[in-house]
Amino acid sequence: MTCSRSSPPVIIWKARVKTGKGALKMKKMKKTKFSEEQRIGAVKQLEAGRPARELARELGISDQTLYNWRARYSGLDGNEARRLRALEDENRRLKTMVADLSLDKEALKAVIRKNGWSL
């Protein structure tokens, strides 16, 4: 029995990775194969009693991937998943801002200490 695979996913994102020499280069990341709605549909089938191994084989994923999806998307519908994604993106952006501001604050403190000024 052969498994017919579609063409590889389209590459859309880029990430920085270190090369063997310590330099940074841009590496392309793969686009996900399934949308959140498709993942939620698979989880609903799993919750309806469909065997995980059969569903995973049909989707072309491992059982563990299906269980990870169940842990993340169990009890969600499409709108809630989009809202969750938006909140996660906003949280990631805010954490980055806090980290940048903390670095700026530490750099300013170092300059003040170096110049002998007091706070």
N, C-alpha and C. Protein backbone atom coordinates (compact mmCIF):
# COMPACT_ATOMS: atom_id res chain seq x y z
N MET A 1 0.84 -1.17 0.00
CA MET A 1 0.00 0.00 0.00
C MET A 1 0.89 1.24 0.00
N THR A 2 0.67 2.12 -0.91
CA THR A 2 1.47 3.34 -0.97
C THR A 2 0.67 4.52 -0.46
N CYS A 3 1.38 5.46 0.07
CA CYS A 3 0.75 6.66 0.60
C CYS A 3 1.02 7.81 -0.37
N SER A 4 -0.01 8.37 -0.92
CA SER A 4 0.19 9.47 -1.85
C SER A 4 0.34 10.77 -1.07
N ARG A 5 1.46 11.39 -1.19
CA ARG A 5 1.74 12.65 -0.50
C ARG A 5 1.61 13.78 -1.49
N SER A 6 1.07 14.87 -1.02
CA SER A 6 1.01 16.05 -1.87
C SER A 6 2.38 16.70 -1.90
N SER A 7 2.51 17.75 -2.70
CA SER A 7 3.79 18.44 -2.79
C SER A 7 4.14 19.03 -1.43
N PRO A 8 5.42 19.32 -1.17
CA PRO A 8 5.81 19.87 0.12
C PRO A 8 5.13 21.20 0.38
N PRO A 9 4.95 21.55 1.66
CA PRO A 9 4.28 22.81 1.99
C PRO A 9 5.04 24.02 1.44
N VAL A 10 4.31 25.07 1.21
CA VAL A 10 4.90 26.30 0.71
C VAL A 10 5.69 26.95 1.84
N ILE A 11 6.86 27.48 1.52
CA ILE A 11 7.71 28.11 2.52
C ILE A 11 7.43 29.61 2.52
N ILE A 12 7.07 30.14 3.72
CA ILE A 12 6.73 31.55 3.77
C ILE A 12 7.50 32.35 4.82
N TRP A 13 7.94 31.73 5.90
CA TRP A 13 8.61 32.47 6.96
C TRP A 13 10.11 32.26 6.88
N LYS A 14 10.84 33.16 7.50
CA LYS A 14 12.29 33.01 7.58
C LYS A 14 12.69 33.14 9.04
N ALA A 15 13.77 32.48 9.42
CA ALA A 15 14.29 32.55 10.78
C ALA A 15 15.80 32.62 10.72
N ARG A 16 16.39 33.23 11.73
CA ARG A 16 17.84 33.30 11.79
C ARG A 16 18.37 32.06 12.50
N VAL A 17 19.37 31.44 11.94
CA VAL A 17 20.01 30.29 12.56
C VAL A 17 21.51 30.47 12.47
N LYS A 18 22.22 29.86 13.43
CA LYS A 18 23.67 29.95 13.43
C LYS A 18 24.25 28.88 12.51
N THR A 19 25.27 29.27 11.77
CA THR A 19 25.98 28.29 10.96
C THR A 19 27.10 27.69 11.81
N GLY A 20 27.82 26.77 11.26
CA GLY A 20 28.91 26.13 11.99
C GLY A 20 30.01 27.11 12.39
N LYS A 21 30.15 28.20 11.67
CA LYS A 21 31.22 29.16 11.94
C LYS A 21 30.77 30.25 12.89
N GLY A 22 29.56 30.17 13.43
CA GLY A 22 29.06 31.15 14.37
C GLY A 22 28.34 32.31 13.71
N ALA A 23 28.34 32.37 12.39
CA ALA A 23 27.65 33.45 11.68
C ALA A 23 26.15 33.14 11.61
N LEU A 24 25.36 34.17 11.44
CA LEU A 24 23.92 33.98 11.31
C LEU A 24 23.52 33.99 9.85
N LYS A 25 22.58 33.14 9.50
CA LYS A 25 22.04 33.15 8.15
C LYS A 25 20.53 32.94 8.25
N MET A 26 19.84 33.29 7.21
CA MET A 26 18.39 33.15 7.19
C MET A 26 18.02 31.75 6.71
N LYS A 27 17.17 31.08 7.46
CA LYS A 27 16.68 29.76 7.08
C LYS A 27 15.18 29.85 6.93
N LYS A 28 14.65 29.26 5.90
CA LYS A 28 13.22 29.31 5.65
C LYS A 28 12.52 28.24 6.49
N MET A 29 11.36 28.63 7.03
CA MET A 29 10.56 27.71 7.83
C MET A 29 9.35 27.26 7.01
N LYS A 30 8.94 26.01 7.24
CA LYS A 30 7.81 25.48 6.48
C LYS A 30 6.49 26.00 7.01
N LYS A 31 5.56 26.18 6.10
CA LYS A 31 4.19 26.54 6.47
C LYS A 31 3.52 25.29 7.03
N THR A 32 2.64 25.48 7.99
CA THR A 32 1.96 24.33 8.56
C THR A 32 1.03 23.70 7.52
N LYS A 33 0.87 22.41 7.63
CA LYS A 33 0.09 21.67 6.65
C LYS A 33 -1.40 21.77 6.91
N PHE A 34 -1.78 21.96 8.17
CA PHE A 34 -3.19 21.98 8.55
C PHE A 34 -3.53 23.33 9.19
N SER A 35 -4.70 23.85 8.87
CA SER A 35 -5.17 25.08 9.51
C SER A 35 -5.71 24.73 10.89
N GLU A 36 -5.95 25.76 11.69
CA GLU A 36 -6.49 25.51 13.03
C GLU A 36 -7.87 24.87 12.95
N GLU A 37 -8.67 25.28 11.97
CA GLU A 37 -10.00 24.70 11.83
C GLU A 37 -9.91 23.21 11.50
N GLN A 38 -8.93 22.84 10.66
CA GLN A 38 -8.75 21.42 10.33
C GLN A 38 -8.29 20.64 11.56
N ARG A 39 -7.42 21.25 12.36
CA ARG A 39 -6.96 20.58 13.58
C ARG A 39 -8.12 20.39 14.55
N ILE A 40 -8.96 21.42 14.69
CA ILE A 40 -10.11 21.32 15.59
C ILE A 40 -11.07 20.24 15.09
N GLY A 41 -11.27 20.16 13.78
CA GLY A 41 -12.12 19.11 13.21
C GLY A 41 -11.58 17.73 13.53
N ALA A 42 -10.27 17.56 13.44
CA ALA A 42 -9.67 16.26 13.77
C ALA A 42 -9.86 15.93 15.24
N VAL A 43 -9.70 16.93 16.10
CA VAL A 43 -9.89 16.70 17.54
C VAL A 43 -11.33 16.33 17.84
N LYS A 44 -12.27 16.97 17.16
CA LYS A 44 -13.69 16.64 17.37
C LYS A 44 -13.98 15.21 16.94
N GLN A 45 -13.37 14.76 15.85
CA GLN A 45 -13.54 13.37 15.42
C GLN A 45 -12.97 12.42 16.47
N LEU A 46 -11.82 12.81 17.03
CA LEU A 46 -11.18 11.99 18.06
C LEU A 46 -12.07 11.92 19.30
N GLU A 47 -12.64 13.06 19.69
CA GLU A 47 -13.51 13.09 20.86
C GLU A 47 -14.82 12.35 20.62
N ALA A 48 -15.24 12.23 19.35
CA ALA A 48 -16.47 11.52 19.01
C ALA A 48 -16.29 10.00 19.08
N GLY A 49 -15.07 9.55 19.30
CA GLY A 49 -14.84 8.13 19.47
C GLY A 49 -14.08 7.47 18.34
N ARG A 50 -13.64 8.21 17.37
CA ARG A 50 -12.88 7.62 16.28
C ARG A 50 -11.49 7.22 16.79
N PRO A 51 -11.00 6.04 16.42
CA PRO A 51 -9.68 5.61 16.90
C PRO A 51 -8.57 6.56 16.44
N ALA A 52 -7.68 6.88 17.37
CA ALA A 52 -6.61 7.85 17.10
C ALA A 52 -5.67 7.34 16.00
N ARG A 53 -5.35 6.08 16.04
CA ARG A 53 -4.41 5.54 15.06
C ARG A 53 -4.98 5.63 13.64
N GLU A 54 -6.26 5.32 13.50
CA GLU A 54 -6.92 5.38 12.19
C GLU A 54 -6.97 6.82 11.67
N LEU A 55 -7.36 7.75 12.54
CA LEU A 55 -7.44 9.16 12.16
C LEU A 55 -6.07 9.72 11.81
N ALA A 56 -5.07 9.38 12.60
CA ALA A 56 -3.72 9.86 12.34
C ALA A 56 -3.20 9.33 11.01
N ARG A 57 -3.47 8.07 10.72
CA ARG A 57 -3.03 7.48 9.45
C ARG A 57 -3.70 8.18 8.27
N GLU A 58 -4.99 8.48 8.42
CA GLU A 58 -5.71 9.15 7.34
C GLU A 58 -5.17 10.55 7.08
N LEU A 59 -4.80 11.25 8.15
CA LEU A 59 -4.29 12.62 8.01
C LEU A 59 -2.81 12.66 7.66
N GLY A 60 -2.11 11.56 7.82
CA GLY A 60 -0.68 11.53 7.51
C GLY A 60 0.17 12.14 8.61
N ILE A 61 -0.29 12.00 9.86
CA ILE A 61 0.46 12.52 11.00
C ILE A 61 0.66 11.40 12.01
N SER A 62 1.48 11.67 13.03
CA SER A 62 1.70 10.65 14.05
C SER A 62 0.59 10.72 15.10
N ASP A 63 0.47 9.64 15.86
CA ASP A 63 -0.50 9.62 16.95
C ASP A 63 -0.20 10.73 17.95
N GLN A 64 1.09 10.93 18.24
CA GLN A 64 1.48 11.93 19.22
C GLN A 64 1.08 13.34 18.79
N THR A 65 1.19 13.63 17.50
CA THR A 65 0.75 14.93 16.99
C THR A 65 -0.74 15.12 17.24
N LEU A 66 -1.49 14.07 17.01
CA LEU A 66 -2.94 14.13 17.24
C LEU A 66 -3.24 14.37 18.72
N TYR A 67 -2.50 13.71 19.61
CA TYR A 67 -2.72 13.91 21.04
C TYR A 67 -2.29 15.32 21.46
N ASN A 68 -1.25 15.86 20.85
CA ASN A 68 -0.85 17.24 21.14
C ASN A 68 -1.94 18.21 20.71
N TRP A 69 -2.53 17.97 19.56
CA TRP A 69 -3.64 18.81 19.09
C TRP A 69 -4.80 18.72 20.07
N ARG A 70 -5.09 17.51 20.56
CA ARG A 70 -6.20 17.35 21.50
C ARG A 70 -5.94 18.14 22.78
N ALA A 71 -4.69 18.12 23.25
CA ALA A 71 -4.36 18.86 24.47
C ALA A 71 -4.53 20.36 24.26
N ARG A 72 -4.26 20.83 23.06
CA ARG A 72 -4.32 22.27 22.80
C ARG A 72 -5.72 22.74 22.39
N TYR A 73 -6.40 21.99 21.55
CA TYR A 73 -7.65 22.46 20.95
C TYR A 73 -8.91 21.80 21.50
N SER A 74 -8.81 20.97 22.51
CA SER A 74 -9.98 20.29 23.05
C SER A 74 -10.97 21.31 23.61
N GLY A 75 -12.21 21.22 23.15
CA GLY A 75 -13.26 22.10 23.64
C GLY A 75 -13.33 23.46 22.95
N LEU A 76 -12.52 23.70 21.92
CA LEU A 76 -12.55 24.98 21.22
C LEU A 76 -13.31 24.86 19.91
N ASP A 77 -13.90 25.96 19.48
CA ASP A 77 -14.44 26.01 18.13
C ASP A 77 -13.57 26.98 17.32
N GLY A 78 -13.91 27.20 16.07
CA GLY A 78 -13.07 28.01 15.18
C GLY A 78 -12.85 29.43 15.67
N ASN A 79 -13.91 30.09 16.15
CA ASN A 79 -13.78 31.47 16.62
C ASN A 79 -12.89 31.56 17.84
N GLU A 80 -13.06 30.63 18.77
CA GLU A 80 -12.24 30.63 19.98
C GLU A 80 -10.77 30.38 19.64
N ALA A 81 -10.51 29.53 18.66
CA ALA A 81 -9.13 29.25 18.27
C ALA A 81 -8.49 30.49 17.66
N ARG A 82 -9.24 31.23 16.83
CA ARG A 82 -8.70 32.47 16.26
C ARG A 82 -8.41 33.49 17.35
N ARG A 83 -9.32 33.57 18.32
CA ARG A 83 -9.12 34.51 19.43
C ARG A 83 -7.90 34.09 20.26
N LEU A 84 -7.76 32.80 20.50
CA LEU A 84 -6.60 32.30 21.23
C LEU A 84 -5.31 32.65 20.50
N ARG A 85 -5.30 32.47 19.18
CA ARG A 85 -4.11 32.79 18.39
C ARG A 85 -3.79 34.28 18.47
N ALA A 86 -4.81 35.13 18.40
CA ALA A 86 -4.60 36.58 18.48
C ALA A 86 -4.03 36.96 19.85
N LEU A 87 -4.57 36.35 20.90
CA LEU A 87 -4.07 36.65 22.24
C LEU A 87 -2.63 36.17 22.43
N GLU A 88 -2.31 35.00 21.87
CA GLU A 88 -0.94 34.50 21.97
C GLU A 88 0.03 35.41 21.22
N ASP A 89 -0.39 35.88 20.05
CA ASP A 89 0.47 36.81 19.29
C ASP A 89 0.68 38.11 20.04
N GLU A 90 -0.39 38.63 20.62
CA GLU A 90 -0.27 39.88 21.39
C GLU A 90 0.62 39.67 22.61
N ASN A 91 0.46 38.54 23.28
CA ASN A 91 1.29 38.23 24.44
C ASN A 91 2.76 38.14 24.06
N ARG A 92 3.05 37.50 22.93
CA ARG A 92 4.42 37.37 22.45
C ARG A 92 5.02 38.75 22.15
N ARG A 93 4.21 39.61 21.52
CA ARG A 93 4.67 40.96 21.19
C ARG A 93 4.94 41.77 22.46
N LEU A 94 4.05 41.67 23.45
CA LEU A 94 4.23 42.41 24.69
C LEU A 94 5.44 41.91 25.48
N LYS A 95 5.67 40.61 25.48
CA LYS A 95 6.84 40.07 26.17
C LYS A 95 8.13 40.58 25.53
N THR A 96 8.14 40.66 24.20
CA THR A 96 9.30 41.19 23.50
C THR A 96 9.53 42.65 23.87
N MET A 97 8.45 43.44 23.95
CA MET A 97 8.56 44.85 24.33
C MET A 97 9.12 44.99 25.74
N VAL A 98 8.65 44.18 26.67
CA VAL A 98 9.14 44.23 28.05
C VAL A 98 10.62 43.88 28.10
N ALA A 99 11.02 42.86 27.36
CA ALA A 99 12.43 42.48 27.34
C ALA A 99 13.30 43.60 26.77
N ASP A 100 12.85 44.23 25.69
CA ASP A 100 13.61 45.34 25.10
C ASP A 100 13.72 46.51 26.06
N LEU A 101 12.61 46.85 26.72
CA LEU A 101 12.63 47.97 27.66
C LEU A 101 13.51 47.66 28.86
N SER A 102 13.52 46.42 29.31
CA SER A 102 14.39 46.04 30.43
C SER A 102 15.86 46.17 30.05
N LEU A 103 16.20 45.78 28.83
CA LEU A 103 17.58 45.94 28.36
C LEU A 103 17.96 47.41 28.27
N ASP A 104 17.04 48.23 27.76
CA ASP A 104 17.31 49.67 27.67
C ASP A 104 17.53 50.26 29.06
N LYS A 105 16.72 49.85 30.02
CA LYS A 105 16.84 50.35 31.38
C LYS A 105 18.19 49.98 31.97
N GLU A 106 18.61 48.72 31.78
CA GLU A 106 19.91 48.28 32.31
C GLU A 106 21.05 49.02 31.63
N ALA A 107 20.94 49.29 30.34
CA ALA A 107 21.99 50.03 29.64
C ALA A 107 22.08 51.45 30.17
N LEU A 108 20.95 52.09 30.42
CA LEU A 108 20.95 53.45 30.98
C LEU A 108 21.52 53.47 32.38
N LYS A 109 21.22 52.47 33.19
CA LYS A 109 21.79 52.39 34.53
C LYS A 109 23.31 52.26 34.47
N ALA A 110 23.79 51.47 33.51
CA ALA A 110 25.23 51.30 33.36
C ALA A 110 25.90 52.61 32.97
N VAL A 111 25.27 53.37 32.09
CA VAL A 111 25.82 54.67 31.68
C VAL A 111 25.84 55.63 32.86
N ILE A 112 24.79 55.62 33.65
CA ILE A 112 24.73 56.51 34.81
C ILE A 112 25.82 56.14 35.81
N ARG A 113 26.01 54.85 36.07
CA ARG A 113 27.07 54.42 37.00
C ARG A 113 28.44 54.80 36.47
N LYS A 114 28.64 54.65 35.18
CA LYS A 114 29.94 54.93 34.57
C LYS A 114 30.27 56.43 34.67
N ASN A 115 29.28 57.30 34.48
CA ASN A 115 29.50 58.73 34.52
C ASN A 115 29.50 59.30 35.92
N GLY A 116 29.19 58.48 36.94
CA GLY A 116 29.22 58.94 38.31
C GLY A 116 27.98 59.70 38.73
N TRP A 117 26.95 59.71 37.97
CA TRP A 117 25.72 60.36 38.36
C TRP A 117 24.98 59.44 39.32
N SER A 118 24.17 60.00 40.15
CA SER A 118 23.38 59.18 41.06
C SER A 118 21.91 59.21 40.64
N LEU A 119 21.21 58.18 41.05
CA LEU A 119 19.79 58.09 40.70
C LEU A 119 18.96 58.88 41.63
